[in-house]
Amino acid sequence: MQQPQRYIAHLDLDSFFVSVEVLNNPSLKGKAIIVGGSKDRGVVSTCSYEARKFGVHSAMPMKKAMELCPNAVLVQGTRGEYSRFSRWVTDIIAAKAPLFEKASIDEFYVDLTGMDKFFDPYKWTIALREEIIDKTQLPISFGLATNKMIAKIATDMAKPNGHLFVPPGMEKAFLEPLPVNKFSGVGEQTYITLKAMGIYLIRDILKFPVATLEKKLGKWGVDLYSKAQGIHTGEVYNYHEAKSISTENTFEESTTDMVFLIKELVRMTEKIAYELRKDEKLTGCIAVKIRYPNFDTTSKQATIPYTFSDDELIPIAIKLFNGLYKKGMPIRLLGVRLTDLTSHALQGSLFYNPEKKKDLYKAIDDVKNKYGRNALQKARTVKKN
């Protein structure tokens, strides 16, 4: 039986964080905006197209960015609003799309494979985009193609606030004239290596036998050769099937010892926050679960601004516990669960003071990765002799 034609749409909220700031403060519209940390020691998280014209880009030291664009408006970021708008767009897509993946807080893939029997996939995606813009006022671009790789590249070319369709069979022709660093994974060093080989455009890759590319670049060379032909087999993973991260502890003896229970709650939250960062995820919801000796089980959850930080999750877990616990009742089981998971990628640095908190957690996790998860713990969770 012949396989149905694949249609994959990639949707990306243009300058999402800047756009949210402008919606909340219309006086910023049309200005050069930089979102990030302090002027002296911060780094750029993201910036508006107006600021990019001056050479400003993400991860640039703020001091240098302000030198390039001295009239830029510096914005610290409204983290809770980013989460709210992301969920809003997610809900709109979820109500319409047969299968979609939330790749990050501002990026989505929609699989329309087989739906061309009932409607034009391109017109359908245009209508979805228009609905998102109409309801949220956020600019959004999309690319539609036969695979995720082509769709994402098409989205980048459609920006700002546009759309582009690469028809089936046109993948190779679409890619050929593009610079080779359009492929994800072609970083600065790889780009230098490729240019030294005479590979500037994607079409140049196909001038080399695949064996030569493998010899020069290893397995990446084989992958690059396949990509240059427009081949990509990545699947769209259903957002609704995203797994939660959780942990539970059933005590040998039921207890009412609040000092012990809070200590255990902190320990468990710290544990799953570490797992969250290890998976490169953010959570938008935390829940606490309590089971009593009679097996009566209850739980309570809170929707939160996306985070991966212990110090933000722990106070919420404690607050949920205090609101849930029947005072004086012994507890048999305690659990913590994180849901509404999404990839943080670059976005993680937008929610925190990048030069402090993100680096701090990286240092903590490096120690845990090397010496074990318990190598560093919150002071209150350390057992006293």
Protein backbone atom coordinates (compact mmCIF):
# COMPACT_ATOMS: atom_id res chain seq x y z
CA MET A 1 0.00 0.00 0.00
CA GLN A 2 1.30 3.43 -0.92
CA GLN A 3 2.21 5.62 2.02
CA PRO A 4 0.29 8.91 2.32
CA GLN A 5 2.13 12.09 1.38
CA ARG A 6 3.75 13.69 4.43
CA TYR A 7 2.92 17.28 5.29
CA ILE A 8 4.67 18.87 8.26
CA ALA A 9 4.15 22.48 9.34
CA HIS A 10 6.65 24.29 11.56
CA LEU A 11 5.26 27.34 13.38
CA ASP A 12 7.48 29.83 15.17
CA LEU A 13 6.36 32.86 17.15
CA ASP A 14 8.52 35.67 15.75
CA SER A 15 10.68 37.39 18.37
CA PHE A 16 8.28 35.92 20.89
CA PHE A 17 9.68 37.51 24.03
CA VAL A 18 10.05 40.92 22.41
CA SER A 19 6.53 40.66 20.94
CA VAL A 20 5.05 39.91 24.38
CA GLU A 21 6.85 42.92 25.86
CA VAL A 22 5.48 45.17 23.09
CA LEU A 23 1.93 43.88 23.62
CA ASN A 24 2.21 44.69 27.32
CA ASN A 25 3.79 48.07 26.61
CA PRO A 26 2.69 49.40 23.17
CA SER A 27 5.03 52.41 23.51
CA LEU A 28 7.89 49.98 22.73
CA LYS A 29 6.55 49.24 19.23
CA GLY A 30 9.07 49.96 16.48
CA LYS A 31 11.94 50.54 18.92
CA ALA A 32 15.21 48.67 19.24
CA ILE A 33 14.54 46.36 22.21
CA ILE A 34 17.00 44.15 24.02
CA VAL A 35 15.79 41.55 26.51
CA GLY A 36 18.39 40.42 29.03
CA GLY A 37 20.34 41.12 32.19
CA SER A 38 22.06 44.19 33.57
CA LYS A 39 23.91 46.65 31.35
CA ASP A 40 27.26 45.99 32.96
CA ARG A 41 27.47 42.23 33.41
CA GLY A 42 24.43 40.78 31.65
CA VAL A 43 24.08 39.05 28.31
CA VAL A 44 21.48 39.47 25.58
CA SER A 45 18.71 36.88 25.77
CA THR A 46 16.96 38.10 22.62
CA CYS A 47 16.33 41.34 20.75
CA SER A 48 13.99 42.96 18.26
CA TYR A 49 14.64 43.10 14.52
CA GLU A 50 15.38 46.82 14.94
CA ALA A 51 18.25 45.98 17.32
CA ARG A 52 19.53 43.18 15.07
CA LYS A 53 20.16 45.74 12.32
CA PHE A 54 22.96 47.10 14.52
CA GLY A 55 24.58 43.68 14.88
CA VAL A 56 23.06 42.79 18.24
CA HIS A 57 22.31 39.10 18.75
CA SER A 58 21.49 36.64 21.54
CA ALA A 59 24.28 35.55 23.92
CA MET A 60 26.19 38.80 23.21
CA PRO A 61 27.54 40.62 26.30
CA MET A 62 25.11 43.38 27.16
CA LYS A 63 27.89 45.93 27.36
CA LYS A 64 28.85 45.27 23.73
CA ALA A 65 25.21 45.28 22.62
CA MET A 66 24.64 48.71 24.14
CA GLU A 67 27.77 50.01 22.44
CA LEU A 68 26.45 48.80 19.07
CA CYS A 69 22.94 50.11 19.74
CA PRO A 70 23.16 52.84 22.42
CA ASN A 71 19.54 53.93 21.94
CA ALA A 72 18.14 50.45 22.58
CA VAL A 73 15.51 49.94 25.27
CA LEU A 74 16.68 47.36 27.81
CA VAL A 75 13.93 45.09 29.15
CA GLN A 76 14.48 42.58 31.96
CA GLY A 77 11.66 40.30 30.83
CA THR A 78 8.17 39.48 32.07
CA ARG A 79 8.53 35.78 32.70
CA GLY A 80 4.98 34.97 33.78
CA GLU A 81 3.59 36.62 30.67
CA TYR A 82 5.77 34.45 28.41
CA SER A 83 4.26 31.35 30.02
CA ARG A 84 0.72 32.71 29.69
CA PHE A 85 1.05 33.54 25.98
CA SER A 86 2.77 30.23 25.24
CA ARG A 87 -0.09 28.29 26.83
CA TRP A 88 -2.62 30.44 24.94
CA VAL A 89 -1.05 29.59 21.58
CA THR A 90 -0.70 25.93 22.61
CA ASP A 91 -4.43 25.76 23.42
CA ILE A 92 -5.35 27.24 20.02
CA ILE A 93 -3.18 24.71 18.17
CA ALA A 94 -4.39 21.81 20.34
CA ALA A 95 -8.02 22.63 19.49
CA LYS A 96 -7.32 22.46 15.74
CA ALA A 97 -4.36 20.20 14.99
CA PRO A 98 -4.73 16.41 14.60
CA LEU A 99 -1.17 15.86 15.87
CA PHE A 100 1.28 18.46 17.11
CA GLU A 101 4.57 18.73 18.98
CA LYS A 102 5.51 21.63 21.22
CA ALA A 103 9.22 21.80 20.44
CA SER A 104 9.83 24.74 22.77
CA ILE A 105 7.93 27.53 24.44
CA ASP A 106 7.49 29.41 21.14
CA GLU A 107 7.90 26.68 18.49
CA PHE A 108 5.53 23.99 17.23
CA TYR A 109 5.35 21.22 14.64
CA VAL A 110 2.01 20.06 13.21
CA ASP A 111 1.69 16.77 11.30
CA LEU A 112 -0.99 16.97 8.60
CA THR A 113 -0.04 13.74 6.86
CA GLY A 114 -3.02 12.13 5.14
CA MET A 115 -5.26 15.12 5.73
CA ASP A 116 -4.81 16.35 2.15
CA LYS A 117 -7.71 14.02 1.24
CA PHE A 118 -10.02 16.38 3.08
CA PHE A 119 -8.46 19.84 2.76
CA ASP A 120 -5.51 21.81 1.38
CA PRO A 121 -2.78 21.58 4.09
CA TYR A 122 -1.31 24.93 3.08
CA LYS A 123 -4.64 26.78 3.30
CA TRP A 124 -5.40 25.02 6.60
CA THR A 125 -2.10 26.17 8.12
CA ILE A 126 -2.64 29.71 6.86
CA ALA A 127 -6.04 29.71 8.60
CA LEU A 128 -4.45 28.42 11.83
CA ARG A 129 -1.80 31.14 11.68
CA GLU A 130 -4.45 33.82 11.11
CA GLU A 131 -6.45 32.58 14.10
CA ILE A 132 -3.39 32.73 16.36
CA ILE A 133 -2.60 36.27 15.21
CA ASP A 134 -6.24 37.37 15.56
CA LYS A 135 -6.64 36.01 19.10
CA THR A 136 -3.22 36.74 20.60
CA GLN A 137 -1.93 39.62 18.42
CA LEU A 138 1.42 37.79 18.25
CA PRO A 139 3.29 37.61 14.94
CA ILE A 140 3.90 34.03 13.80
CA SER A 141 5.65 32.51 10.80
CA PHE A 142 5.40 29.01 9.40
CA GLY A 143 6.96 26.72 6.84
CA LEU A 144 5.15 23.75 5.32
CA ALA A 145 7.04 20.84 3.73
CA THR A 146 7.31 17.07 3.62
CA ASN A 147 9.58 16.82 6.66
CA LYS A 148 10.54 18.69 9.83
CA MET A 149 13.96 19.84 8.59
CA ILE A 150 12.67 21.50 5.42
CA ALA A 151 9.69 23.00 7.26
CA LYS A 152 11.94 24.62 9.87
CA ILE A 153 14.29 26.09 7.26
CA ALA A 154 11.26 27.37 5.32
CA THR A 155 9.98 29.07 8.47
CA ASP A 156 13.29 30.87 8.96
CA MET A 157 13.09 32.11 5.37
CA ALA A 158 9.47 33.23 5.83
CA LYS A 159 10.29 35.51 8.75
CA PRO A 160 9.25 38.02 9.81
CA ASN A 161 5.56 37.18 10.10
CA GLY A 162 5.18 35.23 6.85
CA HIS A 163 4.72 31.73 5.49
CA LEU A 164 6.33 29.49 2.85
CA PHE A 165 5.34 26.17 1.28
CA VAL A 166 7.89 23.80 -0.23
CA PRO A 167 5.81 21.43 -2.42
CA PRO A 168 6.53 17.69 -2.45
CA GLY A 169 9.39 16.87 -4.84
CA MET A 170 10.91 20.36 -4.55
CA GLU A 171 12.97 19.74 -1.40
CA LYS A 172 16.34 19.38 -3.12
CA ALA A 173 15.77 22.37 -5.41
CA PHE A 174 14.71 24.46 -2.42
CA LEU A 175 17.88 23.63 -0.48
CA GLU A 176 20.52 23.81 -3.21
CA PRO A 177 21.06 27.61 -3.37
CA LEU A 178 21.07 28.07 0.41
CA PRO A 179 24.25 28.53 2.48
CA VAL A 180 25.34 25.31 4.14
CA ASN A 181 25.03 26.78 7.64
CA LYS A 182 21.24 26.78 7.19
CA PHE A 183 21.44 23.23 8.49
CA SER A 184 21.17 22.93 12.24
CA GLY A 185 24.37 21.47 13.63
CA VAL A 186 26.63 23.42 11.29
CA GLY A 187 28.31 25.59 13.87
CA GLU A 188 31.12 28.05 13.42
CA GLN A 189 33.93 25.46 13.42
CA THR A 190 32.11 23.05 11.10
CA TYR A 191 31.33 25.93 8.76
CA ILE A 192 35.02 26.84 8.59
CA THR A 193 35.89 23.20 7.81
CA LEU A 194 33.26 23.01 5.08
CA LYS A 195 34.39 26.27 3.47
CA ALA A 196 37.97 24.98 3.47
CA MET A 197 36.64 22.04 1.43
CA GLY A 198 34.97 24.44 -1.00
CA ILE A 199 31.49 23.85 0.42
CA TYR A 200 29.68 27.16 0.71
CA LEU A 201 26.20 26.29 -0.53
CA ILE A 202 24.14 23.18 0.11
CA ARG A 203 24.46 22.17 -3.54
CA ASP A 204 28.25 21.99 -3.06
CA ILE A 205 27.83 19.07 -0.66
CA LEU A 206 26.54 16.85 -3.44
CA LYS A 207 29.69 17.44 -5.51
CA PHE A 208 31.54 15.12 -3.13
CA PRO A 209 31.18 11.34 -2.90
CA VAL A 210 29.60 10.38 0.41
CA ALA A 211 32.77 8.38 1.26
CA THR A 212 34.87 11.55 1.03
CA LEU A 213 32.50 13.44 3.32
CA GLU A 214 32.58 10.57 5.81
CA LYS A 215 36.38 10.53 5.77
CA LYS A 216 36.55 14.29 6.37
CA LEU A 217 33.63 14.71 8.77
CA GLY A 218 32.85 11.25 10.13
CA LYS A 219 29.20 10.20 10.51
CA TRP A 220 28.20 13.86 10.34
CA GLY A 221 29.40 13.87 6.71
CA VAL A 222 27.03 11.03 5.81
CA ASP A 223 24.18 12.83 7.58
CA LEU A 224 25.02 16.06 5.76
CA TYR A 225 24.91 14.29 2.38
CA SER A 226 21.46 12.93 3.20
CA LYS A 227 20.21 16.31 4.37
CA ALA A 228 21.45 17.99 1.18
CA GLN A 229 19.08 15.75 -0.75
CA GLY A 230 16.19 16.93 1.39
CA ILE A 231 15.92 13.67 3.32
CA HIS A 232 14.87 13.81 6.96
CA THR A 233 12.91 11.19 8.87
CA GLY A 234 12.24 12.95 12.18
CA GLU A 235 8.74 12.32 13.55
CA VAL A 236 6.31 14.77 15.13
CA TYR A 237 5.90 13.63 18.73
CA ASN A 238 2.46 14.16 20.19
CA TYR A 239 2.61 16.96 22.76
CA HIS A 240 -0.17 15.34 24.79
CA GLU A 241 2.02 12.29 25.32
CA ALA A 242 4.81 14.30 26.92
CA LYS A 243 5.85 12.45 30.06
CA SER A 244 5.78 13.94 33.51
CA ILE A 245 8.66 13.69 35.95
CA SER A 246 7.72 12.47 39.39
CA THR A 247 8.96 10.80 42.55
CA GLU A 248 7.21 9.23 45.52
CA ASN A 249 8.27 7.85 48.87
CA THR A 250 6.23 5.38 50.92
CA PHE A 251 7.42 5.56 54.52
CA GLU A 252 8.09 2.44 56.59
CA GLU A 253 6.01 4.04 59.33
CA SER A 254 3.37 6.72 58.81
CA THR A 255 4.49 10.01 60.34
CA THR A 256 3.28 13.41 61.49
CA ASP A 257 6.80 14.79 61.92
CA MET A 258 6.55 18.08 60.01
CA VAL A 259 10.28 18.76 60.06
CA PHE A 260 10.91 15.37 58.46
CA LEU A 261 8.07 15.74 55.95
CA ILE A 262 9.17 19.17 54.74
CA LYS A 263 12.75 17.95 54.52
CA GLU A 264 11.59 15.00 52.40
CA LEU A 265 9.48 17.27 50.22
CA VAL A 266 12.49 19.51 49.56
CA ARG A 267 14.70 16.51 48.80
CA MET A 268 12.23 15.07 46.28
CA THR A 269 11.63 18.41 44.57
CA GLU A 270 15.36 18.97 44.28
CA LYS A 271 15.74 15.48 42.80
CA ILE A 272 13.15 15.87 40.03
CA ALA A 273 14.31 19.42 39.23
CA TYR A 274 17.74 17.94 38.55
CA GLU A 275 16.15 15.32 36.27
CA LEU A 276 14.22 18.10 34.54
CA ARG A 277 17.39 20.02 33.72
CA LYS A 278 19.13 16.82 32.65
CA ASP A 279 16.35 16.29 30.09
CA GLU A 280 16.68 19.96 29.03
CA LYS A 281 13.08 20.67 29.98
CA LEU A 282 11.07 23.36 31.70
CA THR A 283 7.98 22.62 33.76
CA GLY A 284 4.80 24.66 33.84
CA CYS A 285 2.97 22.72 36.53
CA ILE A 286 3.90 21.13 39.88
CA ALA A 287 1.76 18.80 42.00
CA VAL A 288 2.10 17.38 45.51
CA LYS A 289 0.51 14.05 46.48
CA ILE A 290 -0.30 12.79 49.98
CA ARG A 291 -1.54 9.33 51.01
CA TYR A 292 -2.76 8.56 54.52
CA PRO A 293 -2.65 5.20 56.37
CA ASN A 294 -6.27 4.41 55.31
CA PHE A 295 -5.06 4.79 51.67
CA ASP A 296 -7.06 7.97 51.22
CA THR A 297 -5.02 9.79 48.55
CA THR A 298 -5.22 13.44 47.63
CA SER A 299 -3.20 15.80 45.47
CA LYS A 300 -3.00 19.45 44.61
CA GLN A 301 -1.28 21.20 41.70
CA ALA A 302 -0.35 24.71 40.64
CA THR A 303 0.23 26.19 37.21
CA ILE A 304 3.46 28.19 37.29
CA PRO A 305 5.69 30.26 34.99
CA TYR A 306 7.98 27.81 33.17
CA THR A 307 11.06 27.01 35.22
CA PHE A 308 13.79 24.44 35.92
CA SER A 309 14.98 25.93 39.22
CA ASP A 310 14.90 24.20 42.62
CA ASP A 311 14.63 27.51 44.43
CA GLU A 312 11.42 28.37 42.57
CA LEU A 313 9.82 24.93 42.71
CA ILE A 314 10.50 24.17 46.39
CA PRO A 315 8.48 27.09 47.92
CA ILE A 316 5.51 26.20 45.68
CA ALA A 317 5.73 22.53 46.69
CA ILE A 318 5.74 23.52 50.37
CA LYS A 319 2.77 25.86 49.84
CA LEU A 320 0.83 23.08 48.07
CA PHE A 321 1.66 20.66 50.88
CA ASN A 322 0.48 23.09 53.56
CA GLY A 323 -2.78 23.67 51.69
CA LEU A 324 -3.36 19.96 51.22
CA TYR A 325 -2.29 18.35 54.49
CA LYS A 326 -4.92 17.39 57.07
CA LYS A 327 -3.19 18.54 60.23
CA GLY A 328 -2.48 15.84 62.77
CA MET A 329 -3.04 13.01 60.29
CA PRO A 330 -0.07 10.67 59.84
CA ILE A 331 1.24 10.45 56.28
CA ARG A 332 2.04 7.14 54.62
CA LEU A 333 3.21 8.41 51.19
CA LEU A 334 4.49 11.72 49.84
CA GLY A 335 5.01 12.52 46.17
CA VAL A 336 5.95 15.40 43.86
CA ARG A 337 5.21 15.54 40.13
CA LEU A 338 6.17 17.99 37.36
CA THR A 339 4.01 18.23 34.23
CA ASP A 340 3.42 20.58 31.27
CA LEU A 341 7.00 19.94 30.17
CA THR A 342 8.60 21.77 27.29
CA SER A 343 12.11 22.13 25.94
CA HIS A 344 13.97 25.19 27.23
CA ALA A 345 16.88 25.31 24.77
CA LEU A 346 17.74 29.02 24.39
CA GLN A 347 14.57 30.04 26.18
CA GLY A 348 15.86 28.86 29.53
CA SER A 349 18.23 31.82 29.64
CA LEU A 350 15.35 34.22 29.10
CA PHE A 351 13.61 33.32 32.33
CA TYR A 352 16.53 33.80 34.64
CA ASN A 353 19.45 36.06 35.25
CA PRO A 354 21.57 34.21 32.66
CA GLU A 355 24.97 35.09 34.04
CA LYS A 356 24.07 33.96 37.55
CA LYS A 357 21.27 31.45 38.02
CA LYS A 358 21.76 29.42 34.84
CA ASP A 359 25.52 29.20 35.41
CA LEU A 360 24.90 28.28 39.05
CA TYR A 361 22.67 25.34 38.16
CA LYS A 362 25.07 24.23 35.46
CA ALA A 363 27.87 24.15 38.04
CA ILE A 364 25.67 22.25 40.51
CA ASP A 365 24.59 19.72 37.89
CA ASP A 366 28.17 19.23 36.68
CA VAL A 367 29.14 18.20 40.21
CA LYS A 368 26.13 15.88 40.47
CA ASN A 369 26.86 14.32 37.08
CA LYS A 370 30.44 13.63 38.10
CA TYR A 371 30.07 12.57 41.73
CA GLY A 372 26.46 11.43 41.97
CA ARG A 373 23.08 13.07 42.46
CA ASN A 374 23.56 13.38 46.22
CA ALA A 375 26.96 15.07 45.98
CA LEU A 376 25.27 18.45 46.53
CA GLN A 377 22.08 18.82 48.55
CA LYS A 378 20.05 21.55 50.17
CA ALA A 379 21.26 22.00 53.76
CA ARG A 380 17.86 21.16 55.24
CA THR A 381 17.85 17.73 53.52
CA VAL A 382 21.21 16.57 54.90
CA LYS A 383 20.84 13.97 57.60
CA LYS A 384 22.45 14.87 60.92
CA ASN A 385 24.51 12.28 62.76
